[in-house]
Amino acid sequence: MAAVPPPSDGDEPDTLAFGIAALDDRLRDSELSFPIRRDALVETLGDPDVPVDPSGRTIALSTAIDRADRDRFEHRRDLLNALHPVFETERGAGGGVRSLLRRLVPF
């Protein structure tokens, strides 16, 4: 998922990646080879905090993998598919009143 940030006059990107898109960007920039075990994945990437929503909330990669309850990933798509529900759950879990209103009132 990606969201368009507020306009700025700097050289910042046009979108802010979060969830699977943010993780996929990091995976593409890494030297990972699959299949890979969870420990090697976290060690290679340095257990980054992955943004889960446009407001900047994050989840540690190791925590997301714990919640996915997987120990091995056969390929990049397998990893992303396993973590997608974790990021979606985390994204929907926070945000306070504003997030609650977004879920209740369709825009």
C-alpha atoms as a PDB file:
ATOM      1  CA  MET A   1       0.000   0.000   0.000  1.00  0.00           C
ATOM      2  CA  ALA A   2       1.144   3.546  -0.577  1.00  0.00           C
ATOM      3  CA  ALA A   3      -0.315   6.925   0.269  1.00  0.00           C
ATOM      4  CA  VAL A   4       0.296  10.310  -1.218  1.00  0.00           C
ATOM      5  CA  PRO A   5       1.867  12.605   1.390  1.00  0.00           C
ATOM      6  CA  PRO A   6       0.972  16.269   1.744  1.00  0.00           C
ATOM      7  CA  PRO A   7       2.544  18.555  -0.864  1.00  0.00           C
ATOM      8  CA  SER A   8       6.061  19.700  -0.093  1.00  0.00           C
ATOM      9  CA  ASP A   9       8.660  21.767  -1.835  1.00  0.00           C
ATOM     10  CA  GLY A  10      11.563  19.389  -1.145  1.00  0.00           C
ATOM     11  CA  ASP A  11      13.062  16.522  -3.093  1.00  0.00           C
ATOM     12  CA  GLU A  12      11.001  13.932  -1.238  1.00  0.00           C
ATOM     13  CA  PRO A  13       9.272  11.031  -3.024  1.00  0.00           C
ATOM     14  CA  ASP A  14       5.706  11.422  -4.302  1.00  0.00           C
ATOM     15  CA  THR A  15       4.435   8.475  -2.271  1.00  0.00           C
ATOM     16  CA  LEU A  16       5.046   6.999   1.144  1.00  0.00           C
ATOM     17  CA  ALA A  17       5.255   3.210   1.080  1.00  0.00           C
ATOM     18  CA  PHE A  18       3.942   1.238   4.025  1.00  0.00           C
ATOM     19  CA  GLY A  19       3.097  -2.376   4.820  1.00  0.00           C
ATOM     20  CA  ILE A  20       3.931  -4.885   2.114  1.00  0.00           C
ATOM     21  CA  ALA A  21       5.064  -2.171  -0.322  1.00  0.00           C
ATOM     22  CA  ALA A  22       7.609  -0.824   2.185  1.00  0.00           C
ATOM     23  CA  LEU A  23       8.885  -4.302   2.963  1.00  0.00           C
ATOM     24  CA  ASP A  24       9.062  -5.205  -0.724  1.00  0.00           C
ATOM     25  CA  ASP A  25      11.158  -2.077  -1.397  1.00  0.00           C
ATOM     26  CA  ARG A  26      13.578  -3.154   1.319  1.00  0.00           C
ATOM     27  CA  LEU A  27      13.710  -6.733   0.000  1.00  0.00           C
ATOM     28  CA  ARG A  28      14.462  -5.549  -3.540  1.00  0.00           C
ATOM     29  CA  ASP A  29      17.338  -3.409  -2.229  1.00  0.00           C
ATOM     30  CA  SER A  30      18.835  -6.323  -0.262  1.00  0.00           C
ATOM     31  CA  GLU A  31      20.990  -9.257  -1.266  1.00  0.00           C
ATOM     32  CA  LEU A  32      18.621 -11.927   0.074  1.00  0.00           C
ATOM     33  CA  SER A  33      18.401 -15.326  -1.547  1.00  0.00           C
ATOM     34  CA  PHE A  34      15.467 -17.663  -1.110  1.00  0.00           C
ATOM     35  CA  PRO A  35      14.553 -20.031   0.403  1.00  0.00           C
ATOM     36  CA  ILE A  36      15.423 -18.344   3.674  1.00  0.00           C
ATOM     37  CA  ARG A  37      14.759 -19.038   7.334  1.00  0.00           C
ATOM     38  CA  ARG A  38      13.258 -16.348   9.546  1.00  0.00           C
ATOM     39  CA  ASP A  39      16.425 -15.878  11.609  1.00  0.00           C
ATOM     40  CA  ALA A  40      18.591 -15.346   8.522  1.00  0.00           C
ATOM     41  CA  LEU A  41      16.008 -12.945   7.089  1.00  0.00           C
ATOM     42  CA  VAL A  42      15.891 -10.799  10.225  1.00  0.00           C
ATOM     43  CA  GLU A  43      19.678 -10.913  10.612  1.00  0.00           C
ATOM     44  CA  THR A  44      20.321  -9.940   6.980  1.00  0.00           C
ATOM     45  CA  LEU A  45      17.848  -7.040   7.015  1.00  0.00           C
ATOM     46  CA  GLY A  46      18.751  -5.931  10.551  1.00  0.00           C
ATOM     47  CA  ASP A  47      15.222  -6.334  11.967  1.00  0.00           C
ATOM     48  CA  PRO A  48      13.915  -3.065  10.511  1.00  0.00           C
ATOM     49  CA  ASP A  49      10.808  -1.288  11.681  1.00  0.00           C
ATOM     50  CA  VAL A  50       8.359  -1.432   8.769  1.00  0.00           C
ATOM     51  CA  PRO A  51       5.803   1.384   8.448  1.00  0.00           C
ATOM     52  CA  VAL A  52       2.253  -0.007   8.649  1.00  0.00           C
ATOM     53  CA  ASP A  53       0.236   3.105   7.832  1.00  0.00           C
ATOM     54  CA  PRO A  54       0.641   6.622   6.454  1.00  0.00           C
ATOM     55  CA  SER A  55       0.702   8.121   9.948  1.00  0.00           C
ATOM     56  CA  GLY A  56       4.084   6.527  10.611  1.00  0.00           C
ATOM     57  CA  ARG A  57       3.211   3.664  12.951  1.00  0.00           C
ATOM     58  CA  THR A  58       5.649   0.762  12.550  1.00  0.00           C
ATOM     59  CA  ILE A  59       6.125  -2.882  13.420  1.00  0.00           C
ATOM     60  CA  ALA A  60       9.448  -4.680  13.760  1.00  0.00           C
ATOM     61  CA  LEU A  61      10.024  -7.273  11.047  1.00  0.00           C
ATOM     62  CA  SER A  62      10.728  -9.923  13.704  1.00  0.00           C
ATOM     63  CA  THR A  63       7.373  -9.182  15.364  1.00  0.00           C
ATOM     64  CA  ALA A  64       5.521  -9.429  12.054  1.00  0.00           C
ATOM     65  CA  ILE A  65       7.175 -12.781  11.319  1.00  0.00           C
ATOM     66  CA  ASP A  66       6.307 -14.020  14.821  1.00  0.00           C
ATOM     67  CA  ARG A  67       2.662 -13.155  14.170  1.00  0.00           C
ATOM     68  CA  ALA A  68       2.752 -14.899  10.785  1.00  0.00           C
ATOM     69  CA  ASP A  69       3.937 -18.033  12.609  1.00  0.00           C
ATOM     70  CA  ARG A  70       6.321 -19.078   9.823  1.00  0.00           C
ATOM     71  CA  ASP A  71       9.907 -20.258  10.090  1.00  0.00           C
ATOM     72  CA  ARG A  72      10.860 -20.533   6.409  1.00  0.00           C
ATOM     73  CA  PHE A  73       9.987 -18.727   3.197  1.00  0.00           C
ATOM     74  CA  GLU A  74      10.485 -20.365  -0.183  1.00  0.00           C
ATOM     75  CA  HIS A  75      10.552 -17.140  -2.232  1.00  0.00           C
ATOM     76  CA  ARG A  76       9.945 -13.392  -1.914  1.00  0.00           C
ATOM     77  CA  ARG A  77       6.259 -13.708  -2.882  1.00  0.00           C
ATOM     78  CA  ASP A  78       5.798 -16.403  -0.203  1.00  0.00           C
ATOM     79  CA  LEU A  79       7.185 -14.012   2.415  1.00  0.00           C
ATOM     80  CA  LEU A  80       5.006 -11.118   1.271  1.00  0.00           C
ATOM     81  CA  ASN A  81       1.881 -13.294   1.159  1.00  0.00           C
ATOM     82  CA  ALA A  82       2.550 -14.581   4.688  1.00  0.00           C
ATOM     83  CA  LEU A  83       3.076 -11.089   6.115  1.00  0.00           C
ATOM     84  CA  HIS A  84       0.259  -9.302   4.290  1.00  0.00           C
ATOM     85  CA  PRO A  85      -2.473 -10.241   6.828  1.00  0.00           C
ATOM     86  CA  VAL A  86      -0.176  -9.233   9.689  1.00  0.00           C
ATOM     87  CA  PHE A  87       0.357  -5.750   8.243  1.00  0.00           C
ATOM     88  CA  GLU A  88      -3.364  -5.372   7.485  1.00  0.00           C
ATOM     89  CA  THR A  89      -4.292  -6.344  11.046  1.00  0.00           C
ATOM     90  CA  GLU A  90      -1.704  -3.984  12.496  1.00  0.00           C
ATOM     91  CA  ARG A  91      -2.826  -1.136  10.220  1.00  0.00           C
ATOM     92  CA  GLY A  92      -6.454  -1.589  11.284  1.00  0.00           C
ATOM     93  CA  ALA A  93      -5.621  -1.898  14.974  1.00  0.00           C
ATOM     94  CA  GLY A  94      -4.383   1.613  15.639  1.00  0.00           C
ATOM     95  CA  GLY A  95      -4.927   5.198  14.783  1.00  0.00           C
ATOM     96  CA  GLY A  96      -7.371   6.330  17.453  1.00  0.00           C
ATOM     97  CA  VAL A  97     -10.633   8.133  16.714  1.00  0.00           C
ATOM     98  CA  ARG A  98      -9.659   9.141  13.184  1.00  0.00           C
ATOM     99  CA  SER A  99      -8.965   5.540  12.206  1.00  0.00           C
ATOM    100  CA  LEU A 100     -12.214   4.408  13.822  1.00  0.00           C
ATOM    101  CA  LEU A 101     -14.206   6.994  11.848  1.00  0.00           C
ATOM    102  CA  ARG A 102     -12.543   5.891   8.585  1.00  0.00           C
ATOM    103  CA  ARG A 103     -13.603   2.310   9.224  1.00  0.00           C
ATOM    104  CA  LEU A 104     -17.184   3.287  10.122  1.00  0.00           C
ATOM    105  CA  VAL A 105     -17.878   5.993   7.523  1.00  0.00           C
ATOM    106  CA  PRO A 106     -17.034   5.195   3.907  1.00  0.00           C
ATOM    107  CA  PHE A 107     -15.359   8.041   2.019  1.00  0.00           C
END
